[in-house]
């Protein structure tokens, strides 16, 4: 069987941001002058959208965990289809 130790839902973003200090060289707003990258993990918890800033290392682990969860969800969808065909017969699958 597969090994899916880490699983997580949500979306991971990488962003760069302009500086708010007027004397900072990165305050120009030009793409090459922005601070970052900053990594943000967004997910739903109890129906509410939760945002969390994470480190680059955490972002790498979260990216793997999110990919694992999506693969698991795809497998479950396939298995549900197989079960429907087994129980209902071929061509009787629910969408």
PDB file of N, CA and C in Angstrom:
ATOM      1  N   UNK A   1       0.848  -1.194   0.000  1.00  0.00           N
ATOM      2  CA  UNK A   1       0.000   0.000   0.000  1.00  0.00           C
ATOM      3  C   UNK A   1       0.885   1.246   0.000  1.00  0.00           C
ATOM      4  N   UNK A   2       0.292   2.355  -0.315  1.00  0.00           N
ATOM      5  CA  UNK A   2       1.009   3.617  -0.372  1.00  0.00           C
ATOM      6  C   UNK A   2       1.268   4.155   1.022  1.00  0.00           C
ATOM      7  N   UNK A   3       2.264   5.007   1.134  1.00  0.00           N
ATOM      8  CA  UNK A   3       2.564   5.655   2.408  1.00  0.00           C
ATOM      9  C   UNK A   3       2.230   7.140   2.298  1.00  0.00           C
ATOM     10  N   UNK A   4       1.191   7.550   2.984  1.00  0.00           N
ATOM     11  CA  UNK A   4       0.769   8.951   2.996  1.00  0.00           C
ATOM     12  C   UNK A   4       0.802   9.438   4.435  1.00  0.00           C
ATOM     13  N   UNK A   5       1.986   9.552   4.988  1.00  0.00           N
ATOM     14  CA  UNK A   5       2.119   9.946   6.389  1.00  0.00           C
ATOM     15  C   UNK A   5       1.580  11.349   6.638  1.00  0.00           C
ATOM     16  N   UNK A   6       1.949  12.265   5.771  1.00  0.00           N
ATOM     17  CA  UNK A   6       1.554  13.662   5.951  1.00  0.00           C
ATOM     18  C   UNK A   6       0.398  13.987   5.015  1.00  0.00           C
ATOM     19  N   UNK A   7      -0.676  14.543   5.577  1.00  0.00           N
ATOM     20  CA  UNK A   7      -1.831  14.944   4.784  1.00  0.00           C
ATOM     21  C   UNK A   7      -2.296  16.301   5.285  1.00  0.00           C
ATOM     22  N   UNK A   8      -2.650  17.169   4.359  1.00  0.00           N
ATOM     23  CA  UNK A   8      -3.152  18.491   4.751  1.00  0.00           C
ATOM     24  C   UNK A   8      -4.080  19.008   3.665  1.00  0.00           C
ATOM     25  N   UNK A   9      -5.055  19.770   4.093  1.00  0.00           N
ATOM     26  CA  UNK A   9      -5.947  20.412   3.135  1.00  0.00           C
ATOM     27  C   UNK A   9      -5.533  21.863   2.977  1.00  0.00           C
ATOM     28  N   UNK A  10      -6.037  22.494   1.939  1.00  0.00           N
ATOM     29  CA  UNK A  10      -5.797  23.914   1.777  1.00  0.00           C
ATOM     30  C   UNK A  10      -4.962  24.239   0.559  1.00  0.00           C
ATOM     31  N   UNK A  11      -4.483  25.477   0.551  1.00  0.00           N
ATOM     32  CA  UNK A  11      -3.704  26.011  -0.553  1.00  0.00           C
ATOM     33  C   UNK A  11      -2.481  26.718   0.000  1.00  0.00           C
ATOM     34  N   UNK A  12      -1.385  26.597  -0.706  1.00  0.00           N
ATOM     35  CA  UNK A  12      -0.138  27.226  -0.302  1.00  0.00           C
ATOM     36  C   UNK A  12       0.206  28.314  -1.318  1.00  0.00           C
ATOM     37  N   UNK A  13       0.473  29.508  -0.823  1.00  0.00           N
ATOM     38  CA  UNK A  13       0.822  30.638  -1.677  1.00  0.00           C
ATOM     39  C   UNK A  13       2.234  31.107  -1.358  1.00  0.00           C
ATOM     40  N   UNK A  14       2.915  31.596  -2.382  1.00  0.00           N
ATOM     41  CA  UNK A  14       4.214  32.248  -2.224  1.00  0.00           C
ATOM     42  C   UNK A  14       4.033  33.677  -2.706  1.00  0.00           C
ATOM     43  N   UNK A  15       4.375  34.640  -1.847  1.00  0.00           N
ATOM     44  CA  UNK A  15       4.165  36.044  -2.200  1.00  0.00           C
ATOM     45  C   UNK A  15       5.390  36.871  -1.874  1.00  0.00           C
ATOM     46  N   UNK A  16       5.523  37.956  -2.611  1.00  0.00           N
ATOM     47  CA  UNK A  16       6.520  38.980  -2.297  1.00  0.00           C
ATOM     48  C   UNK A  16       5.749  40.257  -2.028  1.00  0.00           C
ATOM     49  N   UNK A  17       6.254  41.064  -1.090  1.00  0.00           N
ATOM     50  CA  UNK A  17       5.517  42.262  -0.681  1.00  0.00           C
ATOM     51  C   UNK A  17       6.415  43.495  -0.682  1.00  0.00           C
ATOM     52  N   UNK A  18       5.821  44.653  -1.002  1.00  0.00           N
ATOM     53  CA  UNK A  18       6.597  45.886  -0.922  1.00  0.00           C
ATOM     54  C   UNK A  18       6.787  46.285   0.536  1.00  0.00           C
ATOM     55  N   UNK A  19       7.820  47.038   0.782  1.00  0.00           N
ATOM     56  CA  UNK A  19       8.095  47.498   2.141  1.00  0.00           C
ATOM     57  C   UNK A  19       7.247  48.729   2.444  1.00  0.00           C
ATOM     58  N   UNK A  20       6.848  48.869   3.689  1.00  0.00           N
ATOM     59  CA  UNK A  20       6.059  50.020   4.101  1.00  0.00           C
ATOM     60  C   UNK A  20       6.895  51.195   4.565  1.00  0.00           C
ATOM     61  N   UNK A  21       8.196  50.983   4.728  1.00  0.00           N
ATOM     62  CA  UNK A  21       9.076  52.079   5.167  1.00  0.00           C
ATOM     63  C   UNK A  21       9.552  52.867   3.945  1.00  0.00           C
ATOM     64  N   UNK A  22       9.363  54.168   3.946  1.00  0.00           N
ATOM     65  CA  UNK A  22       9.719  54.959   2.763  1.00  0.00           C
ATOM     66  C   UNK A  22      11.217  54.981   2.460  1.00  0.00           C
ATOM     67  N   UNK A  23      12.080  54.803   3.461  1.00  0.00           N
ATOM     68  CA  UNK A  23      13.525  54.863   3.203  1.00  0.00           C
ATOM     69  C   UNK A  23      14.133  53.498   2.880  1.00  0.00           C
ATOM     70  N   UNK A  24      13.330  52.459   2.794  1.00  0.00           N
ATOM     71  CA  UNK A  24      13.826  51.117   2.444  1.00  0.00           C
ATOM     72  C   UNK A  24      14.002  51.027   0.932  1.00  0.00           C
ATOM     73  N   UNK A  25      15.076  50.374   0.490  1.00  0.00           N
ATOM     74  CA  UNK A  25      15.318  50.249  -0.950  1.00  0.00           C
ATOM     75  C   UNK A  25      14.258  49.377  -1.620  1.00  0.00           C
ATOM     76  N   UNK A  26      13.515  48.606  -0.834  1.00  0.00           N
ATOM     77  CA  UNK A  26      12.483  47.730  -1.383  1.00  0.00           C
ATOM     78  C   UNK A  26      11.108  48.393  -1.420  1.00  0.00           C
ATOM     79  N   UNK A  27      11.036  49.665  -1.072  1.00  0.00           N
ATOM     80  CA  UNK A  27       9.761  50.385  -1.036  1.00  0.00           C
ATOM     81  C   UNK A  27       9.291  50.818  -2.416  1.00  0.00           C
ATOM     82  N   UNK A  28      10.107  50.649  -3.431  1.00  0.00           N
ATOM     83  CA  UNK A  28       9.751  51.116  -4.779  1.00  0.00           C
ATOM     84  C   UNK A  28       8.543  50.375  -5.351  1.00  0.00           C
ATOM     85  N   UNK A  29       8.322  49.137  -4.932  1.00  0.00           N
ATOM     86  CA  UNK A  29       7.211  48.348  -5.456  1.00  0.00           C
ATOM     87  C   UNK A  29       7.549  47.580  -6.713  1.00  0.00           C
ATOM     88  N   UNK A  30       8.777  47.754  -7.239  1.00  0.00           N
ATOM     89  CA  UNK A  30       9.191  47.000  -8.418  1.00  0.00           C
ATOM     90  C   UNK A  30       9.310  45.525  -8.049  1.00  0.00           C
ATOM     91  N   UNK A  31       8.946  44.619  -8.957  1.00  0.00           N
ATOM     92  CA  UNK A  31       8.991  43.183  -8.643  1.00  0.00           C
ATOM     93  C   UNK A  31      10.344  42.701  -8.127  1.00  0.00           C
ATOM     94  N   UNK A  32      11.428  43.244  -8.673  1.00  0.00           N
ATOM     95  CA  UNK A  32      12.754  42.797  -8.233  1.00  0.00           C
ATOM     96  C   UNK A  32      13.144  43.363  -6.869  1.00  0.00           C
ATOM     97  N   UNK A  33      12.409  44.360  -6.380  1.00  0.00           N
ATOM     98  CA  UNK A  33      12.737  44.997  -5.104  1.00  0.00           C
ATOM     99  C   UNK A  33      11.857  44.541  -3.939  1.00  0.00           C
ATOM    100  N   UNK A  34      10.951  43.640  -4.161  1.00  0.00           N
ATOM    101  CA  UNK A  34      10.007  43.248  -3.112  1.00  0.00           C
ATOM    102  C   UNK A  34      10.646  42.357  -2.059  1.00  0.00           C
ATOM    103  N   UNK A  35      10.143  42.441  -0.828  1.00  0.00           N
ATOM    104  CA  UNK A  35      10.566  41.547   0.255  1.00  0.00           C
ATOM    105  C   UNK A  35       9.937  40.170   0.039  1.00  0.00           C
ATOM    106  N   UNK A  36      10.649  39.142   0.457  1.00  0.00           N
ATOM    107  CA  UNK A  36      10.062  37.804   0.386  1.00  0.00           C
ATOM    108  C   UNK A  36      10.992  36.841  -0.313  1.00  0.00           C
ATOM    109  N   UNK A  37      10.525  35.681  -0.633  1.00  0.00           N
ATOM    110  CA  UNK A  37       9.115  35.301  -0.625  1.00  0.00           C
ATOM    111  C   UNK A  37       8.602  34.955   0.775  1.00  0.00           C
ATOM    112  N   UNK A  38       7.316  35.203   0.971  1.00  0.00           N
ATOM    113  CA  UNK A  38       6.607  34.785   2.180  1.00  0.00           C
ATOM    114  C   UNK A  38       5.649  33.681   1.768  1.00  0.00           C
ATOM    115  N   UNK A  39       5.510  32.691   2.617  1.00  0.00           N
ATOM    116  CA  UNK A  39       4.651  31.549   2.313  1.00  0.00           C
ATOM    117  C   UNK A  39       3.434  31.587   3.220  1.00  0.00           C
ATOM    118  N   UNK A  40       2.256  31.434   2.611  1.00  0.00           N
ATOM    119  CA  UNK A  40       1.008  31.485   3.359  1.00  0.00           C
ATOM    120  C   UNK A  40       0.196  30.231   3.062  1.00  0.00           C
ATOM    121  N   UNK A  41      -0.257  29.579   4.119  1.00  0.00           N
ATOM    122  CA  UNK A  41      -1.082  28.373   4.017  1.00  0.00           C
ATOM    123  C   UNK A  41      -2.494  28.759   4.398  1.00  0.00           C
ATOM    124  N   UNK A  42      -3.429  28.577   3.468  1.00  0.00           N
ATOM    125  CA  UNK A  42      -4.840  28.886   3.706  1.00  0.00           C
ATOM    126  C   UNK A  42      -5.639  27.594   3.710  1.00  0.00           C
ATOM    127  N   UNK A  43      -6.552  27.477   4.678  1.00  0.00           N
ATOM    128  CA  UNK A  43      -7.388  26.283   4.765  1.00  0.00           C
ATOM    129  C   UNK A  43      -8.654  26.613   5.549  1.00  0.00           C
ATOM    130  N   UNK A  44      -9.626  25.729   5.484  1.00  0.00           N
ATOM    131  CA  UNK A  44     -10.856  25.904   6.240  1.00  0.00           C
ATOM    132  C   UNK A  44     -10.798  25.061   7.511  1.00  0.00           C
ATOM    133  N   UNK A  45     -11.155  25.707   8.624  1.00  0.00           N
ATOM    134  CA  UNK A  45     -11.238  25.034   9.918  1.00  0.00           C
ATOM    135  C   UNK A  45     -12.597  25.387  10.499  1.00  0.00           C
ATOM    136  N   UNK A  46     -13.423  24.378  10.726  1.00  0.00           N
ATOM    137  CA  UNK A  46     -14.782  24.586  11.244  1.00  0.00           C
ATOM    138  C   UNK A  46     -15.554  25.600  10.401  1.00  0.00           C
ATOM    139  N   UNK A  47     -15.402  25.523   9.091  1.00  0.00           N
ATOM    140  CA  UNK A  47     -16.119  26.388   8.180  1.00  0.00           C
ATOM    141  C   UNK A  47     -15.544  27.780   7.993  1.00  0.00           C
ATOM    142  N   UNK A  48     -14.482  28.089   8.683  1.00  0.00           N
ATOM    143  CA  UNK A  48     -13.875  29.417   8.574  1.00  0.00           C
ATOM    144  C   UNK A  48     -12.529  29.319   7.866  1.00  0.00           C
ATOM    145  N   UNK A  49     -12.237  30.334   7.056  1.00  0.00           N
ATOM    146  CA  UNK A  49     -10.969  30.370   6.351  1.00  0.00           C
ATOM    147  C   UNK A  49      -9.878  30.836   7.311  1.00  0.00           C
ATOM    148  N   UNK A  50      -8.811  30.042   7.411  1.00  0.00           N
ATOM    149  CA  UNK A  50      -7.703  30.332   8.320  1.00  0.00           C
ATOM    150  C   UNK A  50      -6.443  30.545   7.487  1.00  0.00           C
ATOM    151  N   UNK A  51      -5.704  31.601   7.785  1.00  0.00           N
ATOM    152  CA  UNK A  51      -4.458  31.932   7.093  1.00  0.00           C
ATOM    153  C   UNK A  51      -3.304  31.769   8.078  1.00  0.00           C
ATOM    154  N   UNK A  52      -2.210  31.219   7.593  1.00  0.00           N
ATOM    155  CA  UNK A  52      -1.042  31.045   8.458  1.00  0.00           C
ATOM    156  C   UNK A  52       0.219  31.290   7.646  1.00  0.00           C
ATOM    157  N   UNK A  53       1.092  32.147   8.142  1.00  0.00           N
ATOM    158  CA  UNK A  53       2.388  32.371   7.512  1.00  0.00           C
ATOM    159  C   UNK A  53       3.317  31.251   7.985  1.00  0.00           C
ATOM    160  N   UNK A  54       4.020  30.612   7.043  1.00  0.00           N
ATOM    161  CA  UNK A  54       4.895  29.496   7.380  1.00  0.00           C
ATOM    162  C   UNK A  54       6.283  29.744   6.796  1.00  0.00           C
ATOM    163  N   UNK A  55       7.266  29.052   7.335  1.00  0.00           N
ATOM    164  CA  UNK A  55       8.635  29.171   6.837  1.00  0.00           C
ATOM    165  C   UNK A  55       8.778  28.424   5.512  1.00  0.00           C
ATOM    166  N   UNK A  56       9.895  28.631   4.845  1.00  0.00           N
ATOM    167  CA  UNK A  56      10.142  27.938   3.578  1.00  0.00           C
ATOM    168  C   UNK A  56      10.179  26.420   3.779  1.00  0.00           C
ATOM    169  N   UNK A  57      10.805  25.970   4.862  1.00  0.00           N
ATOM    170  CA  UNK A  57      10.871  24.537   5.166  1.00  0.00           C
ATOM    171  C   UNK A  57       9.476  23.973   5.416  1.00  0.00           C
ATOM    172  N   UNK A  58       8.677  24.701   6.202  1.00  0.00           N
ATOM    173  CA  UNK A  58       7.303  24.267   6.460  1.00  0.00           C
ATOM    174  C   UNK A  58       6.493  24.255   5.167  1.00  0.00           C
ATOM    175  N   UNK A  59       6.721  25.237   4.302  1.00  0.00           N
ATOM    176  CA  UNK A  59       5.999  25.300   3.027  1.00  0.00           C
ATOM    177  C   UNK A  59       6.312  24.086   2.158  1.00  0.00           C
ATOM    178  N   UNK A  60       7.563  23.660   2.148  1.00  0.00           N
ATOM    179  CA  UNK A  60       7.941  22.471   1.370  1.00  0.00           C
ATOM    180  C   UNK A  60       7.219  21.236   1.894  1.00  0.00           C
ATOM    181  N   UNK A  61       7.161  21.078   3.213  1.00  0.00           N
ATOM    182  CA  UNK A  61       6.465  19.936   3.817  1.00  0.00           C
ATOM    183  C   UNK A  61       4.961  20.010   3.564  1.00  0.00           C
ATOM    184  N   UNK A  62       4.402  21.203   3.678  1.00  0.00           N
ATOM    185  CA  UNK A  62       2.975  21.377   3.428  1.00  0.00           C
ATOM    186  C   UNK A  62       2.623  21.082   1.975  1.00  0.00           C
ATOM    187  N   UNK A  63       3.478  21.482   1.043  1.00  0.00           N
ATOM    188  CA  UNK A  63       3.223  21.202  -0.373  1.00  0.00           C
ATOM    189  C   UNK A  63       3.112  19.696  -0.605  1.00  0.00           C
ATOM    190  N   UNK A  64       3.997  18.927   0.017  1.00  0.00           N
ATOM    191  CA  UNK A  64       3.928  17.461  -0.098  1.00  0.00           C
ATOM    192  C   UNK A  64       2.655  16.925   0.538  1.00  0.00           C
ATOM    193  N   UNK A  65       2.316  17.446   1.721  1.00  0.00           N
ATOM    194  CA  UNK A  65       1.130  16.975   2.437  1.00  0.00           C
ATOM    195  C   UNK A  65      -0.148  17.301   1.674  1.00  0.00           C
ATOM    196  N   UNK A  66      -0.215  18.477   1.061  1.00  0.00           N
ATOM    197  CA  UNK A  66      -1.390  18.857   0.273  1.00  0.00           C
ATOM    198  C   UNK A  66      -1.501  17.963  -0.963  1.00  0.00           C
ATOM    199  N   UNK A  67      -0.377  17.685  -1.609  1.00  0.00           N
ATOM    200  CA  UNK A  67      -0.378  16.791  -2.778  1.00  0.00           C
ATOM    201  C   UNK A  67      -0.829  15.390  -2.370  1.00  0.00           C
ATOM    202  N   UNK A  68      -0.371  14.915  -1.209  1.00  0.00           N
ATOM    203  CA  UNK A  68      -0.795  13.602  -0.710  1.00  0.00           C
ATOM    204  C   UNK A  68      -2.305  13.556  -0.515  1.00  0.00           C
ATOM    205  N   UNK A  69      -2.852  14.590   0.115  1.00  0.00           N
ATOM    206  CA  UNK A  69      -4.299  14.605   0.369  1.00  0.00           C
ATOM    207  C   UNK A  69      -5.073  14.607  -0.950  1.00  0.00           C
ATOM    208  N   UNK A  70      -4.632  15.387  -1.912  1.00  0.00           N
ATOM    209  CA  UNK A  70      -5.331  15.436  -3.201  1.00  0.00           C
ATOM    210  C   UNK A  70      -5.272  14.092  -3.914  1.00  0.00           C
ATOM    211  N   UNK A  71      -4.143  13.403  -3.797  1.00  0.00           N
ATOM    212  CA  UNK A  71      -4.035  12.076  -4.405  1.00  0.00           C
ATOM    213  C   UNK A  71      -4.947  11.079  -3.704  1.00  0.00           C
ATOM    214  N   UNK A  72      -5.020  11.166  -2.389  1.00  0.00           N
ATOM    215  CA  UNK A  72      -5.920  10.290  -1.629  1.00  0.00           C
ATOM    216  C   UNK A  72      -7.371  10.542  -2.040  1.00  0.00           C
ATOM    217  N   UNK A  73      -7.751  11.817  -2.172  1.00  0.00           N
ATOM    218  CA  UNK A  73      -9.122  12.146  -2.579  1.00  0.00           C
ATOM    219  C   UNK A  73      -9.437  11.599  -3.967  1.00  0.00           C
ATOM    220  N   UNK A  74      -8.462  11.654  -4.882  1.00  0.00           N
ATOM    221  CA  UNK A  74      -8.660  11.111  -6.228  1.00  0.00           C
ATOM    222  C   UNK A  74      -8.844   9.590  -6.176  1.00  0.00           C
ATOM    223  N   UNK A  75      -8.046   8.923  -5.340  1.00  0.00           N
ATOM    224  CA  UNK A  75      -8.188   7.473  -5.182  1.00  0.00           C
ATOM    225  C   UNK A  75      -9.554   7.106  -4.612  1.00  0.00           C
ATOM    226  N   UNK A  76     -10.008   7.858  -3.613  1.00  0.00           N
ATOM    227  CA  UNK A  76     -11.321   7.593  -3.023  1.00  0.00           C
ATOM    228  C   UNK A  76     -12.433   7.748  -4.056  1.00  0.00           C
ATOM    229  N   UNK A  77     -12.323   8.771  -4.902  1.00  0.00           N
ATOM    230  CA  UNK A  77     -13.327   8.983  -5.945  1.00  0.00           C
ATOM    231  C   UNK A  77     -13.345   7.794  -6.908  1.00  0.00           C
ATOM    232  N   UNK A  78     -12.163   7.315  -7.287  1.00  0.00           N
ATOM    233  CA  UNK A  78     -12.080   6.140  -8.163  1.00  0.00           C
ATOM    234  C   UNK A  78     -12.696   4.915  -7.497  1.00  0.00           C
ATOM    235  N   UNK A  79     -12.382   4.703  -6.226  1.00  0.00           N
ATOM    236  CA  UNK A  79     -12.908   3.545  -5.505  1.00  0.00           C
ATOM    237  C   UNK A  79     -14.427   3.613  -5.356  1.00  0.00           C
ATOM    238  N   UNK A  80     -14.946   4.817  -5.165  1.00  0.00           N
ATOM    239  CA  UNK A  80     -16.407   4.965  -5.089  1.00  0.00           C
ATOM    240  C   UNK A  80     -17.051   4.568  -6.409  1.00  0.00           C
ATOM    241  N   UNK A  81     -16.423   4.941  -7.525  1.00  0.00           N
ATOM    242  CA  UNK A  81     -16.936   4.559  -8.840  1.00  0.00           C
ATOM    243  C   UNK A  81     -16.898   3.060  -9.038  1.00  0.00           C
ATOM    244  N   UNK A  82     -15.818   2.434  -8.616  1.00  0.00           N
ATOM    245  CA  UNK A  82     -15.706   0.974  -8.725  1.00  0.00           C
ATOM    246  C   UNK A  82     -16.777   0.301  -7.881  1.00  0.00           C
ATOM    247  N   UNK A  83     -16.989   0.801  -6.685  1.00  0.00           N
ATOM    248  CA  UNK A  83     -18.024   0.244  -5.806  1.00  0.00           C
ATOM    249  C   UNK A  83     -19.402   0.395  -6.439  1.00  0.00           C
ATOM    250  N   UNK A  84     -19.684   1.556  -7.018  1.00  0.00           N
ATOM    251  CA  UNK A  84     -20.985   1.771  -7.660  1.00  0.00           C
ATOM    252  C   UNK A  84     -21.187   0.783  -8.802  1.00  0.00           C
ATOM    253  N   UNK A  85     -20.147   0.567  -9.615  1.00  0.00           N
ATOM    254  CA  UNK A  85     -20.268  -0.403 -10.703  1.00  0.00           C
ATOM    255  C   UNK A  85     -20.451  -1.821 -10.176  1.00  0.00           C
ATOM    256  N   UNK A  86     -19.783  -2.154  -9.095  1.00  0.00           N
ATOM    257  CA  UNK A  86     -19.897  -3.491  -8.514  1.00  0.00           C
ATOM    258  C   UNK A  86     -21.303  -3.716  -7.970  1.00  0.00           C
ATOM    259  N   UNK A  87     -21.838  -2.731  -7.269  1.00  0.00           N
ATOM    260  CA  UNK A  87     -23.149  -2.872  -6.633  1.00  0.00           C
ATOM    261  C   UNK A  87     -24.282  -2.691  -7.635  1.00  0.00           C
ATOM    262  N   UNK A  88     -24.198  -1.676  -8.483  1.00  0.00           N
ATOM    263  CA  UNK A  88     -25.290  -1.329  -9.386  1.00  0.00           C
ATOM    264  C   UNK A  88     -25.156  -1.967 -10.765  1.00  0.00           C
ATOM    265  N   UNK A  89     -23.970  -2.409 -11.099  1.00  0.00           N
ATOM    266  CA  UNK A  89     -23.730  -2.975 -12.428  1.00  0.00           C
ATOM    267  C   UNK A  89     -23.129  -1.938 -13.349  1.00  0.00           C
ATOM    268  N   UNK A  90     -22.524  -2.378 -14.442  1.00  0.00           N
ATOM    269  CA  UNK A  90     -21.881  -1.455 -15.373  1.00  0.00           C
ATOM    270  C   UNK A  90     -22.902  -0.465 -15.972  1.00  0.00           C
ATOM    271  N   UNK A  91     -22.453   0.747 -16.156  1.00  0.00           N
ATOM    272  CA  UNK A  91     -23.297   1.769 -16.748  1.00  0.00           C
ATOM    273  C   UNK A  91     -24.329   2.369 -15.804  1.00  0.00           C
ATOM    274  N   UNK A  92     -24.362   1.962 -14.558  1.00  0.00           N
ATOM    275  CA  UNK A  92     -25.333   2.477 -13.591  1.00  0.00           C
ATOM    276  C   UNK A  92     -24.663   3.400 -12.556  1.00  0.00           C
ATOM    277  N   UNK A  93     -23.480   3.839 -12.887  1.00  0.00           N
ATOM    278  CA  UNK A  93     -22.710   4.703 -11.979  1.00  0.00           C
ATOM    279  C   UNK A  93     -23.375   6.038 -11.763  1.00  0.00           C
ATOM    280  N   UNK A  94     -23.362   6.499 -10.541  1.00  0.00           N
ATOM    281  CA  UNK A  94     -23.843   7.847 -10.256  1.00  0.00           C
ATOM    282  C   UNK A  94     -22.733   8.831 -10.570  1.00  0.00           C
ATOM    283  N   UNK A  95     -23.070  10.006 -11.099  1.00  0.00           N
ATOM    284  CA  UNK A  95     -22.023  10.990 -11.409  1.00  0.00           C
ATOM    285  C   UNK A  95     -21.375  11.551 -10.168  1.00  0.00           C
TER     286      UNK A  95
END
